[in-house]
Amino acid sequence: MKVYDAPTVAEQLGISRAYAYKIIRRLNAELDAMGHMTIAGKVSAGYFDARFFPKTNGNGGEGHVGL
């Protein structure tokens, strides 16, 4: 399973490391609420990608990110 750390998240989103840690905490809280195990300071690459870069919904538009 691939995971992203804060520097990777910061680079992908063009944000500071501090804000990347905040996003990771929020994503990990979502995963924890779904019953998944999490690691502080890291987030599942698949979950991150799904939340920030959703696939198109078939009608040319993009899905809602909601963060």
N, C-alpha and C. Protein backbone atom coordinates (compact mmCIF):
# COMPACT_ATOMS: atom_id res chain seq x y z
N MET A 1 0.85 -1.18 0.00
CA MET A 1 0.00 0.00 0.00
C MET A 1 0.89 1.24 0.00
N LYS A 2 0.61 2.13 -0.89
CA LYS A 2 1.39 3.36 -0.99
C LYS A 2 0.78 4.43 -0.09
N VAL A 3 1.65 5.17 0.59
CA VAL A 3 1.20 6.29 1.43
C VAL A 3 1.95 7.56 1.04
N TYR A 4 1.33 8.69 1.30
CA TYR A 4 1.96 9.99 1.09
C TYR A 4 2.27 10.61 2.43
N ASP A 5 3.40 11.30 2.50
CA ASP A 5 3.73 12.07 3.70
C ASP A 5 3.44 13.55 3.42
N ALA A 6 3.62 14.39 4.42
CA ALA A 6 3.29 15.82 4.29
C ALA A 6 4.06 16.52 3.17
N PRO A 7 5.37 16.30 3.02
CA PRO A 7 6.06 16.96 1.92
C PRO A 7 5.49 16.59 0.54
N THR A 8 5.08 15.34 0.37
CA THR A 8 4.49 14.91 -0.89
C THR A 8 3.14 15.57 -1.12
N VAL A 9 2.31 15.60 -0.08
CA VAL A 9 1.00 16.25 -0.18
C VAL A 9 1.18 17.74 -0.48
N ALA A 10 2.12 18.37 0.21
CA ALA A 10 2.38 19.80 0.00
C ALA A 10 2.79 20.07 -1.44
N GLU A 11 3.65 19.23 -1.98
CA GLU A 11 4.12 19.41 -3.36
C GLU A 11 2.98 19.21 -4.36
N GLN A 12 2.19 18.17 -4.16
CA GLN A 12 1.10 17.88 -5.10
C GLN A 12 0.05 18.97 -5.13
N LEU A 13 -0.21 19.59 -3.97
CA LEU A 13 -1.26 20.61 -3.89
C LEU A 13 -0.72 22.04 -3.94
N GLY A 14 0.59 22.20 -3.89
CA GLY A 14 1.18 23.53 -3.91
C GLY A 14 0.88 24.32 -2.65
N ILE A 15 0.97 23.65 -1.51
CA ILE A 15 0.67 24.27 -0.22
C ILE A 15 1.85 24.09 0.72
N SER A 16 1.77 24.71 1.89
CA SER A 16 2.84 24.57 2.89
C SER A 16 2.78 23.19 3.54
N ARG A 17 3.89 22.79 4.13
CA ARG A 17 3.92 21.52 4.86
C ARG A 17 2.96 21.55 6.04
N ALA A 18 2.88 22.69 6.72
CA ALA A 18 1.98 22.81 7.87
C ALA A 18 0.54 22.54 7.47
N TYR A 19 0.12 23.12 6.34
CA TYR A 19 -1.25 22.91 5.88
C TYR A 19 -1.43 21.47 5.39
N ALA A 20 -0.39 20.89 4.81
CA ALA A 20 -0.45 19.50 4.37
C ALA A 20 -0.70 18.57 5.57
N TYR A 21 -0.05 18.85 6.69
CA TYR A 21 -0.29 18.05 7.90
C TYR A 21 -1.74 18.18 8.35
N LYS A 22 -2.30 19.37 8.25
CA LYS A 22 -3.70 19.59 8.63
C LYS A 22 -4.63 18.76 7.74
N ILE A 23 -4.36 18.74 6.45
CA ILE A 23 -5.16 17.95 5.52
C ILE A 23 -5.03 16.47 5.82
N ILE A 24 -3.81 16.01 6.09
CA ILE A 24 -3.58 14.61 6.42
C ILE A 24 -4.36 14.23 7.68
N ARG A 25 -4.35 15.09 8.69
CA ARG A 25 -5.11 14.80 9.91
C ARG A 25 -6.60 14.65 9.60
N ARG A 26 -7.12 15.53 8.75
CA ARG A 26 -8.54 15.46 8.40
C ARG A 26 -8.86 14.19 7.62
N LEU A 27 -8.04 13.87 6.63
CA LEU A 27 -8.27 12.65 5.85
C LEU A 27 -8.17 11.41 6.74
N ASN A 28 -7.20 11.39 7.65
CA ASN A 28 -7.05 10.26 8.55
C ASN A 28 -8.23 10.16 9.51
N ALA A 29 -8.80 11.29 9.91
CA ALA A 29 -10.00 11.26 10.76
C ALA A 29 -11.17 10.64 10.00
N GLU A 30 -11.29 10.96 8.71
CA GLU A 30 -12.34 10.37 7.88
C GLU A 30 -12.13 8.85 7.79
N LEU A 31 -10.89 8.44 7.53
CA LEU A 31 -10.59 7.01 7.44
C LEU A 31 -10.85 6.31 8.77
N ASP A 32 -10.48 6.95 9.87
CA ASP A 32 -10.69 6.38 11.20
C ASP A 32 -12.18 6.20 11.47
N ALA A 33 -12.98 7.16 11.07
CA ALA A 33 -14.43 7.08 11.26
C ALA A 33 -15.04 5.92 10.47
N MET A 34 -14.38 5.54 9.39
CA MET A 34 -14.83 4.40 8.57
C MET A 34 -14.27 3.07 9.09
N GLY A 35 -13.50 3.14 10.17
CA GLY A 35 -12.95 1.93 10.77
C GLY A 35 -11.61 1.49 10.23
N HIS A 36 -10.93 2.36 9.46
CA HIS A 36 -9.62 2.02 8.91
C HIS A 36 -8.51 2.42 9.87
N MET A 37 -7.43 1.68 9.85
CA MET A 37 -6.24 2.03 10.63
C MET A 37 -5.52 3.16 9.90
N THR A 38 -4.91 4.07 10.65
CA THR A 38 -4.17 5.17 10.05
C THR A 38 -2.81 5.31 10.72
N ILE A 39 -1.92 6.04 10.07
CA ILE A 39 -0.60 6.33 10.61
C ILE A 39 -0.46 7.85 10.65
N ALA A 40 -0.13 8.39 11.80
CA ALA A 40 0.01 9.84 11.95
C ALA A 40 1.06 10.37 10.97
N GLY A 41 0.71 11.46 10.29
CA GLY A 41 1.64 12.10 9.38
C GLY A 41 1.70 11.48 8.00
N LYS A 42 0.89 10.44 7.76
CA LYS A 42 0.85 9.79 6.45
C LYS A 42 -0.61 9.51 6.11
N VAL A 43 -0.89 9.46 4.81
CA VAL A 43 -2.24 9.16 4.36
C VAL A 43 -2.16 8.21 3.18
N SER A 44 -3.15 7.34 3.07
CA SER A 44 -3.23 6.42 1.95
C SER A 44 -3.23 7.20 0.64
N ALA A 45 -2.35 6.82 -0.27
CA ALA A 45 -2.26 7.51 -1.55
C ALA A 45 -3.57 7.36 -2.33
N GLY A 46 -4.16 6.18 -2.27
CA GLY A 46 -5.41 5.95 -2.98
C GLY A 46 -6.53 6.83 -2.47
N TYR A 47 -6.64 6.96 -1.14
CA TYR A 47 -7.69 7.79 -0.56
C TYR A 47 -7.45 9.26 -0.86
N PHE A 48 -6.21 9.69 -0.73
CA PHE A 48 -5.86 11.08 -1.05
C PHE A 48 -6.22 11.41 -2.50
N ASP A 49 -5.80 10.55 -3.41
CA ASP A 49 -6.06 10.78 -4.83
C ASP A 49 -7.56 10.80 -5.12
N ALA A 50 -8.31 9.90 -4.49
CA ALA A 50 -9.76 9.85 -4.70
C ALA A 50 -10.44 11.13 -4.19
N ARG A 51 -9.97 11.67 -3.09
CA ARG A 51 -10.58 12.87 -2.51
C ARG A 51 -10.20 14.14 -3.25
N PHE A 52 -8.97 14.22 -3.73
CA PHE A 52 -8.52 15.46 -4.36
C PHE A 52 -8.55 15.43 -5.89
N PHE A 53 -8.50 14.27 -6.46
CA PHE A 53 -8.48 14.15 -7.92
C PHE A 53 -9.50 13.11 -8.36
N PRO A 54 -10.80 13.40 -8.12
CA PRO A 54 -11.82 12.40 -8.45
C PRO A 54 -11.92 12.17 -9.96
N LYS A 55 -12.34 10.99 -10.32
CA LYS A 55 -12.56 10.66 -11.73
C LYS A 55 -13.76 11.46 -12.21
N THR A 56 -13.84 11.69 -13.51
CA THR A 56 -15.01 12.38 -14.04
C THR A 56 -16.24 11.51 -13.85
N ASN A 57 -17.40 12.14 -13.74
CA ASN A 57 -18.63 11.41 -13.45
C ASN A 57 -19.39 10.96 -14.69
N GLY A 58 -18.76 11.01 -15.84
CA GLY A 58 -19.38 10.51 -17.05
C GLY A 58 -20.05 11.55 -17.92
N ASN A 59 -20.37 12.73 -17.36
CA ASN A 59 -21.02 13.76 -18.18
C ASN A 59 -20.09 14.93 -18.44
N GLY A 60 -18.81 14.69 -18.32
CA GLY A 60 -17.84 15.73 -18.60
C GLY A 60 -17.46 16.57 -17.40
N GLY A 61 -18.24 16.49 -16.34
CA GLY A 61 -17.94 17.25 -15.12
C GLY A 61 -17.13 16.42 -14.17
N GLU A 62 -16.61 17.07 -13.16
CA GLU A 62 -15.84 16.34 -12.16
C GLU A 62 -16.67 16.17 -10.91
N GLY A 63 -16.34 15.14 -10.14
CA GLY A 63 -17.03 14.91 -8.89
C GLY A 63 -16.71 15.99 -7.88
N HIS A 64 -17.43 16.02 -6.80
CA HIS A 64 -17.27 17.02 -5.75
C HIS A 64 -16.19 16.56 -4.77
N VAL A 65 -15.21 17.43 -4.51
CA VAL A 65 -14.13 17.08 -3.58
C VAL A 65 -14.59 17.23 -2.14
N GLY A 66 -15.19 18.35 -1.80
CA GLY A 66 -15.80 18.54 -0.49
C GLY A 66 -14.89 18.72 0.68
N LEU A 67 -13.71 19.27 0.50
CA LEU A 67 -12.86 19.56 1.67
C LEU A 67 -12.92 21.00 2.04
